[in-house]
Protein backbone atom coordinates (compact mmCIF):
# COMPACT_ATOMS: atom_id res chain seq x y z
CA MET A 1 0.00 0.00 0.00
CA ILE A 2 1.18 3.54 -0.74
CA GLN A 3 0.02 6.32 1.53
CA VAL A 4 -0.32 9.58 -0.39
CA GLU A 5 -2.51 11.62 1.93
CA PRO A 6 -2.57 11.12 5.72
CA SER A 7 -6.05 9.61 5.73
CA VAL A 8 -6.20 7.83 2.35
CA ASN A 9 -4.40 4.65 1.28
CA PHE A 10 -4.00 3.64 -2.35
CA GLU A 11 -2.97 0.28 -3.74
CA LEU A 12 -0.16 0.12 -6.28
CA GLN A 13 -0.08 -3.11 -8.24
CA GLU A 14 1.09 -4.58 -11.50
CA LEU A 15 -1.57 -5.03 -14.15
CA PRO A 16 -0.52 -7.98 -16.37
CA LEU A 17 -1.13 -6.79 -19.92
CA GLY A 18 -1.06 -10.36 -21.20
CA VAL A 19 -4.51 -10.74 -19.64
CA PRO A 20 -7.03 -9.25 -22.10
CA ARG A 21 -9.26 -7.60 -19.50
CA PHE A 22 -6.31 -5.78 -17.88
CA ARG A 23 -4.97 -4.74 -21.27
CA ARG A 24 -8.35 -3.29 -22.20
CA LYS A 25 -8.58 -1.52 -18.87
CA VAL A 26 -5.14 0.12 -19.24
CA ALA A 27 -5.77 1.04 -22.89
CA SER A 28 -9.08 2.67 -21.93
CA PHE A 29 -7.43 4.59 -19.07
CA LEU A 30 -4.70 5.91 -21.33
CA GLU A 31 -7.16 6.81 -24.08
CA SER A 32 -9.13 8.88 -21.59
CA ASN A 33 -5.90 10.80 -21.01
CA SER A 34 -5.18 11.25 -24.75
CA LEU A 35 -2.43 8.61 -24.75
CA ARG A 36 -1.97 5.25 -26.48
CA LEU A 37 -0.80 1.97 -25.00
CA GLU A 38 2.60 0.78 -26.22
CA GLU A 39 4.42 -2.46 -25.46
CA VAL A 40 6.02 -2.46 -22.00
CA ASP A 41 7.69 -5.05 -19.80
CA LEU A 42 5.32 -4.24 -16.96
CA TYR A 43 2.60 -1.74 -16.12
CA LEU A 44 2.04 -0.44 -12.59
CA ALA A 45 -1.12 1.33 -11.49
CA ILE A 46 -2.45 3.05 -8.39
CA LEU A 47 -6.03 1.91 -7.94
CA GLY A 48 -8.85 3.64 -6.12
CA GLY A 49 -11.27 1.96 -3.77
CA ASP A 50 -13.54 1.07 -6.67
CA GLY A 51 -10.69 -0.58 -8.58
CA GLU A 52 -10.45 2.20 -11.15
CA ILE A 53 -7.00 3.36 -12.28
CA LEU A 54 -6.06 6.67 -10.73
CA ALA A 55 -2.50 6.72 -12.05
CA GLY A 56 -0.40 4.34 -14.10
CA GLY A 57 2.94 3.97 -15.80
CA GLY A 58 4.91 1.36 -17.73
CA LEU A 59 8.54 0.31 -18.03
CA LYS A 60 10.27 -0.98 -21.17
CA GLU A 61 13.82 -1.90 -20.16
CA ASP A 62 15.21 1.48 -19.01
CA VAL A 63 12.46 3.70 -20.47
CA ILE A 64 9.40 4.82 -18.51
CA LYS A 65 6.36 4.94 -20.80
CA CYS A 66 2.61 5.53 -20.77
CA VAL A 67 2.51 7.56 -17.55
CA ALA A 68 -0.83 9.22 -16.79
CA VAL A 69 -2.84 10.47 -13.83
CA SER A 70 -6.62 10.61 -14.10
CA GLU A 71 -8.16 14.07 -14.09
CA ALA A 72 -9.99 13.40 -10.83
CA ALA A 73 -6.73 12.45 -9.03
CA ARG A 74 -4.33 15.13 -10.26
CA SER A 75 -4.31 16.95 -6.94
CA MET A 76 -3.40 13.84 -4.93
CA GLY A 77 0.34 13.74 -5.65
CA LEU A 78 0.26 10.27 -7.21
CA ALA A 79 2.93 10.81 -9.86
CA ALA A 80 5.83 10.84 -7.39
CA PRO A 81 5.22 7.44 -5.73
CA LEU A 82 4.34 5.85 -9.08
CA VAL A 83 7.48 7.05 -10.89
CA SER A 84 9.61 6.31 -7.81
CA ARG A 85 8.44 2.71 -7.86
CA LEU A 86 9.14 2.39 -11.61
CA ILE A 87 12.66 3.70 -11.04
CA SER A 88 13.15 1.13 -8.25
CA VAL A 89 11.94 -1.71 -10.46
CA ALA A 90 14.33 -0.61 -13.22
CA ALA A 91 17.20 -0.58 -10.71
CA GLU A 92 16.27 -4.09 -9.56
CA ARG A 93 16.57 -5.15 -13.19
CA GLY A 94 20.03 -3.61 -13.57
CA PHE A 95 19.13 -0.20 -15.03
CA HIS A 96 20.43 2.53 -12.74
CA SER A 97 19.64 5.36 -15.11
CA VAL A 98 16.07 5.63 -16.32
CA ARG A 99 14.85 7.67 -19.28
CA VAL A 100 11.50 9.09 -20.24
CA PHE A 101 10.22 10.54 -23.52
CA THR A 102 7.39 12.95 -22.89
CA LYS A 103 5.66 16.13 -24.03
CA PRO A 104 7.61 19.40 -23.64
CA GLY A 105 4.91 20.60 -21.25
CA ASN A 106 5.83 17.85 -18.77
CA VAL A 107 9.45 18.96 -18.27
CA SER A 108 8.72 20.65 -14.94
CA ILE A 109 6.76 17.63 -13.65
CA PHE A 110 9.54 15.15 -14.35
CA GLY A 111 12.15 17.72 -13.33
CA SER A 112 10.59 17.78 -9.86
CA LEU A 113 10.97 13.97 -9.77
CA GLY A 114 14.74 14.12 -10.37
CA PHE A 115 14.86 13.94 -14.16
CA ARG A 116 17.06 16.26 -16.21
CA LEU A 117 16.65 17.28 -19.83
CA LEU A 118 18.91 15.52 -22.35
CA ALA A 119 17.42 16.55 -25.70
CA SER A 120 14.41 18.38 -27.03
CA ALA A 121 12.34 18.69 -30.20
CA PRO A 122 9.15 20.66 -30.88
CA GLU A 123 6.90 17.68 -30.09
CA ALA A 124 8.91 15.79 -27.43
CA VAL A 125 11.75 15.86 -24.92
CA LEU A 126 14.07 13.18 -23.56
CA MET A 127 14.86 13.25 -19.85
CA GLU A 128 16.90 11.01 -17.59
CA ASN A 129 16.99 10.13 -13.90
CA GLY A 130 20.54 9.10 -13.02
CA ARG A 131 24.02 9.74 -14.37
CA GLY A 132 23.96 7.40 -17.38
CA LEU A 133 24.65 9.97 -20.09
CA GLU A 134 27.08 11.84 -17.87
CA GLU A 135 29.11 8.69 -17.27
CA TYR A 136 28.96 7.75 -20.95
CA CYS A 137 30.26 11.16 -22.01
CA SER A 138 33.01 10.94 -19.42
CA GLN A 139 34.18 7.73 -21.07
CA LEU A 140 34.07 9.42 -24.47
CA ARG A 141 36.12 12.41 -23.27
CA ALA A 142 38.91 10.03 -22.25
CA LEU A 143 39.21 8.97 -25.91
CA ARG A 144 39.68 12.46 -27.35
CA SER A 145 42.80 13.13 -29.39
CA PRO A 146 44.28 16.16 -31.19
CA GLY A 147 43.39 16.94 -34.76
CA ARG A 148 40.19 16.80 -36.76
CA THR A 149 37.80 14.23 -35.35
CA GLY A 150 34.86 12.66 -37.18
CA VAL A 151 32.01 10.36 -36.19
CA ILE A 152 29.89 7.78 -37.96
CA VAL A 153 26.80 6.40 -36.20
CA MET A 154 26.13 3.00 -37.71
CA ASN A 155 23.52 0.27 -37.35
CA ALA A 156 25.21 -2.28 -39.65
CA ASN A 157 22.52 -4.94 -39.70
CA PRO A 158 24.76 -6.44 -41.11
CA PHE A 159 28.06 -4.67 -41.97
CA THR A 160 28.43 -4.51 -45.76
CA LEU A 161 30.94 -3.31 -48.34
CA GLY A 162 28.81 -0.16 -48.43
CA HIS A 163 29.57 0.48 -44.76
CA LEU A 164 33.25 -0.24 -45.36
CA HIS A 165 33.28 2.25 -48.25
CA LEU A 166 31.82 4.91 -45.96
CA VAL A 167 34.42 4.20 -43.26
CA ARG A 168 37.31 4.30 -45.72
CA GLU A 169 36.19 7.60 -47.24
CA ALA A 170 35.56 9.18 -43.84
CA SER A 171 38.87 7.94 -42.41
CA SER A 172 40.78 9.61 -45.24
CA ARG A 173 39.29 13.01 -44.35
CA VAL A 174 39.98 13.21 -40.61
CA ASP A 175 42.80 12.60 -38.17
CA LYS A 176 40.63 10.44 -35.92
CA LEU A 177 37.43 8.57 -36.77
CA PHE A 178 35.01 7.09 -34.26
CA VAL A 179 32.27 4.63 -35.20
CA ILE A 180 29.35 4.39 -32.77
CA PRO A 181 27.19 1.27 -33.17
CA VAL A 182 23.50 1.69 -32.42
CA ALA A 183 22.80 -0.43 -29.32
CA GLU A 184 19.33 -1.85 -29.58
CA GLU A 185 18.05 -5.39 -29.80
CA GLY A 186 15.10 -6.64 -31.80
CA GLN A 187 16.98 -6.67 -35.10
CA ARG A 188 18.13 -9.55 -37.26
CA PHE A 189 21.63 -9.36 -35.81
CA SER A 190 22.16 -8.68 -32.11
CA CYS A 191 24.10 -5.72 -30.69
CA GLU A 192 27.02 -8.03 -29.97
CA GLU A 193 27.00 -9.43 -33.50
CA ARG A 194 26.70 -6.04 -35.19
CA ARG A 195 29.53 -4.53 -33.19
CA GLY A 196 31.66 -7.61 -33.89
CA MET A 197 31.12 -7.16 -37.62
CA ILE A 198 31.98 -3.46 -37.45
CA VAL A 199 35.20 -4.14 -35.51
CA ARG A 200 36.27 -6.84 -37.98
CA GLY A 201 35.37 -4.67 -40.94
CA CYS A 202 36.95 -1.41 -39.81
CA GLY A 203 40.29 -2.80 -38.67
CA THR A 204 42.64 0.12 -38.07
CA LEU A 205 40.55 2.61 -40.04
CA ALA A 206 38.49 3.70 -37.05
CA THR A 207 37.99 3.31 -33.31
CA VAL A 208 34.77 1.38 -32.77
CA LEU A 209 33.06 2.37 -29.53
CA GLU A 210 30.75 0.25 -27.45
CA GLY A 211 27.15 0.39 -28.58
CA SER A 212 25.36 3.52 -27.41
CA ARG A 213 21.94 3.52 -25.78
CA TYR A 214 21.91 7.23 -26.50
CA GLN A 215 21.15 6.86 -30.18
CA ILE A 216 17.42 7.32 -30.63
CA SER A 217 15.92 5.16 -33.36
CA SER A 218 12.43 4.36 -34.53
CA LEU A 219 12.60 1.19 -32.43
CA THR A 220 13.42 2.99 -29.18
CA PHE A 221 11.39 6.18 -29.61
CA PRO A 222 7.87 5.83 -28.16
CA THR A 223 4.95 7.64 -29.79
CA TYR A 224 2.19 7.06 -27.24
CA PHE A 225 1.95 10.78 -26.37
CA LEU A 226 1.97 12.19 -29.93
CA LYS A 227 -1.41 13.28 -31.22
CA ASP A 228 -0.24 13.24 -34.84
CA LEU A 229 1.71 10.09 -35.66
CA SER A 230 2.92 11.66 -38.90
CA LEU A 231 5.24 13.72 -36.69
CA ALA A 232 6.85 10.64 -35.12
CA SER A 233 9.75 10.15 -37.53
CA ASP A 234 10.79 13.81 -37.58
CA THR A 235 10.50 14.05 -33.80
CA GLN A 236 12.67 10.98 -33.25
CA MET A 237 15.28 12.24 -35.70
CA ARG A 238 15.39 15.73 -34.19
CA LEU A 239 15.78 14.32 -30.67
CA ASP A 240 18.62 12.10 -31.85
CA ALA A 241 20.37 14.97 -33.63
CA ASP A 242 19.92 17.28 -30.64
CA LEU A 243 21.34 14.73 -28.19
CA PHE A 244 24.33 14.12 -30.45
CA LEU A 245 24.96 17.83 -30.81
CA ARG A 246 24.56 18.67 -27.10
CA HIS A 247 26.48 15.75 -25.62
CA ILE A 248 28.17 13.18 -27.88
CA ALA A 249 30.04 15.48 -30.29
CA PRO A 250 31.45 17.77 -27.56
CA ALA A 251 32.57 14.78 -25.49
CA LEU A 252 34.55 13.34 -28.41
CA GLY A 253 35.70 16.73 -29.69
CA ALA A 254 34.06 15.86 -33.02
CA THR A 255 33.61 18.57 -35.61
CA VAL A 256 32.30 16.45 -38.48
CA ARG A 257 29.76 13.68 -38.85
CA PHE A 258 29.72 11.41 -41.87
CA VAL A 259 26.68 9.76 -43.44
CA GLY A 260 26.10 7.80 -46.61
CA SER A 261 23.88 9.29 -49.28
CA GLU A 262 20.44 7.74 -49.47
CA PRO A 263 18.96 7.40 -52.97
CA SER A 264 16.14 4.97 -52.12
CA ASP A 265 15.01 5.17 -48.47
CA PRO A 266 12.94 8.34 -47.83
CA LEU A 267 13.31 8.11 -44.03
CA THR A 268 17.10 7.94 -44.12
CA ALA A 269 17.20 10.73 -46.69
CA ARG A 270 15.02 12.85 -44.39
CA TYR A 271 17.30 12.09 -41.43
CA ASN A 272 20.33 13.24 -43.44
CA ALA A 273 18.47 16.46 -44.26
CA ILE A 274 17.63 17.08 -40.58
CA LEU A 275 21.27 16.50 -39.57
CA ALA A 276 22.40 18.89 -42.31
CA GLY A 277 20.09 21.56 -40.93
CA MET A 278 20.82 21.10 -37.22
CA LEU A 279 24.48 20.11 -36.83
CA PRO A 280 26.11 23.26 -38.24
CA GLU A 281 24.23 25.32 -35.62
CA GLY A 282 26.44 23.60 -33.02
CA GLY A 283 29.68 23.78 -34.96
CA VAL A 284 29.54 20.27 -36.46
CA SER A 285 29.58 19.86 -40.22
CA LEU A 286 27.82 17.05 -42.05
CA VAL A 287 29.63 15.26 -44.88
CA GLU A 288 27.50 13.03 -47.10
CA ILE A 289 29.50 10.30 -48.87
CA PRO A 290 28.01 8.90 -52.10
CA ARG A 291 26.82 5.34 -51.62
CA LEU A 292 28.75 2.39 -53.04
CA CYS A 293 26.77 0.81 -55.87
CA ASP A 294 27.04 -2.31 -57.99
CA GLY A 295 25.08 -3.43 -61.04
CA GLU A 296 21.91 -3.85 -58.99
CA GLY A 297 22.03 -0.53 -57.15
CA PRO A 298 23.28 0.62 -53.73
CA VAL A 299 25.09 -2.02 -51.68
CA SER A 300 22.88 -2.10 -48.60
CA ALA A 301 22.18 -4.17 -45.50
CA SER A 302 18.57 -4.60 -46.63
CA ARG A 303 19.76 -6.40 -49.77
CA VAL A 304 21.86 -8.74 -47.65
CA ARG A 305 18.94 -9.45 -45.30
CA SER A 306 16.62 -10.18 -48.22
CA ALA A 307 19.10 -12.65 -49.65
CA LEU A 308 19.56 -14.40 -46.30
CA SER A 309 15.80 -14.71 -45.85
CA ALA A 310 15.65 -16.46 -49.21
CA GLY A 311 18.44 -18.82 -48.17
CA VAL A 312 21.01 -17.23 -50.48
CA LEU A 313 24.57 -16.46 -49.38
CA PRO A 314 25.27 -12.85 -50.49
CA SER A 315 29.02 -12.96 -49.86
CA ALA A 316 29.80 -10.53 -52.68
CA LEU A 317 28.03 -7.72 -50.78
CA VAL A 318 30.06 -7.94 -47.56
CA PRO A 319 33.72 -7.96 -46.47
CA SER A 320 35.23 -11.22 -45.27
CA GLY A 321 34.87 -10.15 -41.63
CA THR A 322 31.10 -10.42 -42.03
CA TRP A 323 31.19 -13.92 -43.57
CA PRO A 324 30.95 -15.84 -40.27
CA TYR A 325 27.85 -13.85 -39.29
CA LEU A 326 26.14 -14.67 -42.58
CA LEU A 327 26.95 -18.35 -42.03
CA SER A 328 25.57 -18.29 -38.49
CA ASP A 329 22.38 -16.66 -39.79
CA LEU A 330 21.91 -19.27 -42.53
CA MET A 331 22.73 -22.02 -40.04
CA ALA A 332 20.01 -20.74 -37.74
CA ARG A 333 17.61 -20.41 -40.69
CA ALA A 334 18.17 -24.07 -41.63
CA LEU A 335 17.59 -25.24 -38.07
CA ARG A 336 14.42 -23.15 -37.77
CA LEU A 337 13.04 -24.44 -41.06
CA GLU A 338 13.48 -27.98 -39.80
CA LEU A 339 11.98 -27.16 -36.40
CA ASP A 340 9.00 -25.33 -37.93
CA THR A 341 8.17 -28.15 -40.34
CA PRO A 342 4.92 -29.72 -39.08
CA GLY A 343 4.10 -33.39 -38.91
CA LYS A 344 7.65 -34.74 -38.69
CA PRO A 345 7.33 -38.26 -37.23
CA GLY A 346 8.32 -38.29 -33.56
CA LEU A 347 10.00 -34.88 -33.70
CA VAL A 348 9.35 -31.54 -32.02
CA ASP A 349 7.44 -28.84 -33.90
CA LYS A 350 5.18 -25.91 -32.98
CA GLU A 351 2.22 -28.18 -32.27
CA SER A 352 3.81 -31.20 -30.62
CA ASN A 353 6.74 -32.39 -28.54
CA GLY A 354 6.90 -35.54 -30.66
CA SER A 355 8.33 -38.48 -28.74
CA HIS A 356 10.12 -36.20 -26.26
CA SER A 357 9.25 -35.43 -22.67
CA ASP A 358 12.33 -33.27 -22.06
CA MET A 359 12.09 -31.00 -25.12
CA ASP A 360 9.54 -28.58 -26.49
CA TYR A 361 9.37 -25.92 -29.19
CA SER A 362 10.41 -23.10 -26.87
CA LEU A 363 13.53 -24.93 -25.67
CA MET A 364 14.50 -25.94 -29.21
CA SER A 365 13.93 -22.42 -30.55
CA GLY A 366 16.05 -20.89 -27.78
CA SER A 367 18.76 -23.45 -28.45
CA ILE A 368 18.98 -22.33 -32.07
CA GLU A 369 19.70 -18.78 -30.96
CA ILE A 370 22.46 -20.05 -28.65
CA ILE A 371 24.01 -22.00 -31.54
CA ARG A 372 23.87 -18.95 -33.77
CA ARG A 373 25.53 -16.56 -31.33
CA SER A 374 28.08 -19.08 -30.06
CA PHE A 375 29.42 -19.63 -33.57
CA THR A 376 30.68 -16.07 -33.94
CA ARG A 377 31.45 -15.60 -30.25
CA HIS A 378 33.87 -18.54 -30.22
CA LEU A 379 35.07 -18.25 -33.81
CA ASN A 380 38.59 -19.67 -34.02
CA LEU A 381 39.91 -20.71 -37.43
CA ALA A 382 43.13 -21.90 -35.81
CA ASP A 383 41.26 -24.38 -33.59
CA PRO A 384 37.70 -25.00 -34.81
CA VAL A 385 37.38 -28.11 -32.66
CA ALA A 386 37.84 -26.06 -29.49
CA ALA A 387 35.31 -23.54 -30.79
CA GLY A 388 32.79 -26.32 -31.34
CA ARG A 389 33.34 -27.68 -27.83
CA ALA A 390 32.78 -24.19 -26.40
CA ALA A 391 29.53 -23.89 -28.34
CA GLU A 392 28.39 -27.29 -27.04
CA ALA A 393 29.05 -26.07 -23.50
CA ASP A 394 26.98 -22.93 -24.14
CA LEU A 395 24.13 -25.04 -25.46
CA LEU A 396 24.11 -27.50 -22.57
CA ALA A 397 24.29 -24.64 -20.08
CA PHE A 398 21.22 -23.07 -21.69
CA THR A 399 19.22 -26.31 -21.73
CA GLY A 400 20.31 -27.49 -18.30
CA GLY A 401 22.00 -30.55 -19.79
CA VAL A 402 19.26 -31.50 -22.25
CA ASN A 403 20.78 -32.60 -25.56
CA THR A 404 18.63 -30.56 -27.93
CA TYR A 405 21.06 -29.92 -30.79
CA ARG A 406 24.45 -31.31 -29.82
CA GLY A 407 24.68 -33.34 -33.02
CA ALA A 408 23.56 -30.34 -35.04
CA VAL A 409 26.32 -28.20 -33.52
CA PHE A 410 28.91 -30.72 -34.70
CA CYS A 411 27.67 -31.13 -38.28
CA HIS A 412 26.78 -27.50 -38.94
CA TYR A 413 29.92 -26.10 -37.39
CA ILE A 414 32.24 -28.49 -39.20
CA MET A 415 30.66 -27.58 -42.54
CA ALA A 416 30.77 -23.85 -41.80
CA TYR A 417 34.41 -24.04 -40.70
CA ALA A 418 35.37 -26.09 -43.75
CA LEU A 419 33.86 -23.35 -45.90
CA LEU A 420 35.58 -20.52 -44.04
CA LEU A 421 38.98 -22.21 -44.04
CA ASP A 422 38.82 -22.70 -47.80
CA ALA A 423 37.18 -19.34 -48.52
CA HIS A 424 39.81 -17.22 -46.80
CA GLY A 425 42.32 -18.61 -49.26
CA ALA A 426 40.04 -18.47 -52.29
CA GLY A 427 38.52 -15.05 -51.58
CA GLU A 428 35.04 -16.37 -52.36
CA LEU A 429 32.69 -17.81 -49.76
CA ARG A 430 30.32 -19.89 -51.90
CA LEU A 431 32.15 -23.02 -53.09
CA PRO A 432 31.33 -25.98 -55.37
CA ALA A 433 29.73 -28.88 -53.51
CA GLY A 434 32.62 -31.25 -54.22
CA ARG A 435 35.18 -28.84 -52.85
CA LEU A 436 33.08 -28.22 -49.73
CA SER A 437 32.71 -31.97 -49.20
CA ALA A 438 36.48 -32.42 -49.42
CA GLY A 439 37.00 -29.60 -46.96
CA VAL A 440 34.65 -31.21 -44.46
CA ALA A 441 36.48 -34.55 -44.77
CA ALA A 442 39.86 -32.90 -44.20
CA LEU A 443 38.67 -31.01 -41.15
CA ALA A 444 36.87 -34.04 -39.67
CA SER A 445 40.10 -36.04 -39.86
CA ARG A 446 41.40 -33.74 -37.11
CA VAL A 447 38.51 -34.52 -34.76
CA GLU A 448 38.88 -37.25 -32.15
CA PRO A 449 35.87 -39.41 -31.20
CA GLN A 450 34.07 -38.44 -28.00
CA GLU A 451 33.98 -41.13 -25.37
CA GLY A 452 30.66 -42.21 -23.91
CA SER A 453 28.30 -40.67 -26.45
CA HIS A 454 25.10 -42.45 -27.49
CA GLY A 455 26.27 -42.46 -31.09
CA GLY A 456 29.65 -43.86 -30.13
CA ARG A 457 28.05 -46.76 -28.29
CA ALA A 458 25.82 -47.54 -31.29
CA VAL A 459 28.83 -47.51 -33.59
CA ALA A 460 30.77 -49.85 -31.30
CA GLU A 461 27.89 -52.30 -30.77
CA PHE A 462 26.28 -52.46 -34.22
CA GLY A 463 29.00 -51.27 -36.57
CA VAL A 464 26.90 -48.46 -38.00
CA ARG A 465 28.40 -45.27 -39.43
CA GLY A 466 28.21 -42.53 -36.81
CA ALA A 467 28.35 -38.76 -37.09
CA LEU A 468 32.14 -38.55 -37.16
CA ALA A 469 32.47 -41.24 -39.83
CA MET A 470 29.95 -39.40 -42.02
CA ALA A 471 31.87 -36.15 -41.65
CA ARG A 472 35.16 -37.90 -42.42
CA GLY A 473 33.49 -39.14 -45.58
CA GLY A 474 32.69 -35.54 -46.52
CA TYR A 475 28.95 -36.14 -46.08
CA ALA A 476 28.95 -38.09 -49.33
CA GLU A 477 25.29 -39.11 -48.89
CA LEU A 478 24.24 -35.51 -48.39
CA PHE A 479 26.04 -34.10 -51.43
CA GLY A 480 25.37 -37.16 -53.59
CA ASP A 481 21.75 -37.87 -52.73
CA TRP A 482 19.92 -35.74 -50.14
CA LEU A 483 20.90 -32.31 -51.48
CA PRO A 484 20.03 -33.11 -55.13
CA TYR A 485 16.73 -34.62 -53.94
CA TYR A 486 15.94 -31.58 -51.80
CA ARG A 487 16.64 -29.25 -54.71
CA SER A 488 14.36 -31.33 -56.94
CA VAL A 489 11.36 -31.02 -54.60
CA LYS A 490 12.12 -27.59 -53.07
CA GLY A 491 9.13 -25.32 -53.29
CA GLY A 492 6.63 -28.18 -53.08
CA PRO A 493 4.12 -28.31 -50.19
CA TYR A 494 5.81 -31.32 -48.54
CA ALA A 495 9.41 -30.79 -49.65
CA MET A 496 10.75 -30.78 -46.10
CA GLN A 497 8.85 -33.88 -44.98
CA GLN A 498 9.75 -35.77 -48.15
CA THR A 499 13.43 -34.89 -47.83
CA LEU A 500 13.33 -36.05 -44.21
CA LEU A 501 11.90 -39.39 -45.34
CA ARG A 502 14.61 -39.66 -47.99
CA ILE A 503 17.23 -39.20 -45.29
CA MET A 504 15.50 -41.60 -42.88
CA SER A 505 15.40 -44.30 -45.54
CA GLY A 506 19.18 -44.56 -45.68
CA LEU A 507 20.67 -43.06 -42.52
CA ASP A 508 21.89 -45.17 -39.60
CA ASP A 509 20.17 -42.88 -37.11
CA THR A 510 21.92 -43.41 -33.79
CA CYS A 511 19.19 -41.42 -32.01
CA ILE A 512 16.68 -44.12 -33.01
CA ILE A 513 19.09 -46.89 -32.07
CA HIS A 514 19.67 -45.32 -28.64
CA ARG A 515 15.97 -44.81 -27.89
CA ALA A 516 14.36 -47.85 -29.53
CA GLY A 517 17.07 -50.31 -30.56
CA TYR A 518 18.79 -51.42 -33.74
CA ALA A 519 15.87 -53.50 -35.02
CA ALA A 520 13.59 -50.50 -34.73
CA SER A 521 16.04 -48.42 -36.77
CA LEU A 522 15.88 -50.96 -39.62
CA ASP A 523 12.07 -50.92 -39.49
CA VAL A 524 12.10 -47.10 -39.65
CA LYS A 525 14.20 -47.27 -42.82
CA ARG A 526 11.73 -49.68 -44.44
CA ARG A 527 8.72 -47.58 -43.47
CA ALA A 528 10.37 -44.41 -44.77
CA VAL A 529 11.05 -46.08 -48.15
CA ASP A 530 7.42 -47.25 -48.40
CA LEU A 531 5.91 -43.88 -47.43
CA LEU A 532 8.17 -41.96 -49.78
CA ALA A 533 7.18 -44.27 -52.66
CA ASP A 534 3.48 -43.64 -51.98
CA PHE A 535 3.50 -40.36 -50.11
CA SER A 536 0.39 -38.95 -48.48
CA PRO A 537 -0.23 -36.58 -45.56
CA SER A 538 -2.35 -39.25 -43.88
CA GLY A 539 0.52 -41.73 -44.12
CA LEU A 540 2.80 -39.15 -42.49
CA GLN A 541 0.28 -38.67 -39.69
CA SER A 542 0.06 -42.44 -39.15
CA MET A 543 3.85 -42.72 -38.93
CA ASP A 544 3.96 -39.81 -36.46
CA ALA A 545 1.37 -41.47 -34.19
CA SER A 546 3.24 -44.78 -34.33
CA PHE A 547 6.59 -43.19 -33.53
CA LYS A 548 5.12 -41.35 -30.55
CA ALA A 549 3.62 -44.56 -29.21
CA LEU A 550 6.94 -46.39 -29.59
CA GLY A 551 9.11 -43.52 -28.33
CA ILE A 552 10.98 -43.27 -31.65
CA SER A 553 12.61 -39.96 -32.55
CA PRO A 554 14.73 -39.69 -35.73
CA GLY A 555 16.83 -36.86 -34.31
CA GLY A 556 19.88 -37.70 -36.42
CA SER A 557 17.76 -37.49 -39.56
CA ALA A 558 16.42 -34.12 -38.43
CA ASP A 559 20.00 -32.87 -38.01
CA MET A 560 20.82 -34.06 -41.52
CA LEU A 561 17.70 -32.34 -42.89
CA SER A 562 18.79 -28.99 -41.46
CA LEU A 563 22.36 -29.62 -42.66
CA THR A 564 21.02 -30.33 -46.16
CA ILE A 565 19.16 -27.00 -46.13
CA PHE A 566 22.32 -25.26 -44.90
CA ALA A 567 24.39 -26.93 -47.64
CA ASP A 568 21.86 -25.77 -50.23
CA SER A 569 22.51 -22.16 -49.17
CA ILE A 570 26.29 -22.26 -49.07
CA SER A 571 27.30 -24.56 -51.96
CA SER A 572 27.04 -24.02 -55.67
């Protein structure tokens, strides 16, 4: 309970917005105060005796949002205890500086609650409680150096040859160049991945700073208090430019900011125009570098993302430092396509846990993200085996010891490393299938068998070919049979399921042998041959029901399906 007046107690509680009736209640309360509900991590409200919301406010990471006090309660002093509690919750979650975007007319209100103004625009202001920006600028001042200093603020989702062109041109025009990555999640590549690409790409051309939370983008700028949403983009851009001009540029001693020209994106072109109008007022010039183009137009991150979404490796659009990140993205895409394929006999998908009691879609999906990030985090061309072991450890730590994708880590990583090891010598990432197969075989010859694995025991007892033997053979079955078959049916409504059956019909699946025995694995092969010869969705459903009843899970075949999809993307 929060006591606001000596004789009146008010209850402050969290309203879970995942519950429809609470979401409707909060949305209605905000609408009555000329605000809109935006996504928040939690929403706290002070309720009256009748359960109606008197005051409420939300928190999204370190940003306070959707704060309102009902007209009837504006003399009760409710804003202070509400905002104080939101600040405390943020601190409990590791955010010791809290920001708020609000109307210019609310500056005095939040100022009385300990917030100070960071940046302003005609329709909005940014304020902060805490010393976050002050501490950040102190770190920047320590990096200052004599001479002409320039800055590039870069998202790099991902880092392309276009970004590298901009860095090279800017570096040639200043004595010192800083690159500031935009630090926000929710993009295709994480903050960690994007900064890693920038560092690899820039080399000695620039000093790459840690990602800045003080770059205001369309993802971080809330619009719940704007009456006219058409003003949102300009307001966000003006706030970002004002904050840079007031704080970031002076801290670094920067007198020039570089941007790439924007021939196709109206929003980016507008942002460049706003910077050109505002920065000179504070003594910072704007230099617009013409974009790098190829035969298809500007070399852009959006082109790379489009290619990756289609399962195409766009290596010609990025420097070699970005290659591992493209591979990790395509690796994750292949694993997700397998996971999201419905009706796979005995396997996990969105609708079913298959034959598993220790795995579900959420765990498998989270595991894929761990595999993706671990690949670039532990990248080590000198010792890929150690990198793979580190990734396995990350995966098992995430799952609590559940073996979701341990086999997939081995086969995907060994293929990706074989490609990278060859590509760095050839200067081209996409290789012919035969050459990639030979590279896998050579790399696998350096890998020692792991003692005590389920697959190892099956190999020893029944003489089947295990995962390591297949890799040492350069995945001959994949390149000789499964990949051509997949390409022949790709695009069909059951291409994934049919390719899985093709793999099941010939693979010695040690997951099946471990769970159900060698005889069961032979029966699975026969059934897969029969169903593939006379394929029908009902036959697939019947096999799925049978596998669940018998506890059969063709996990090795699923790994080979995702590896086949991955190979389709990275081999010519």
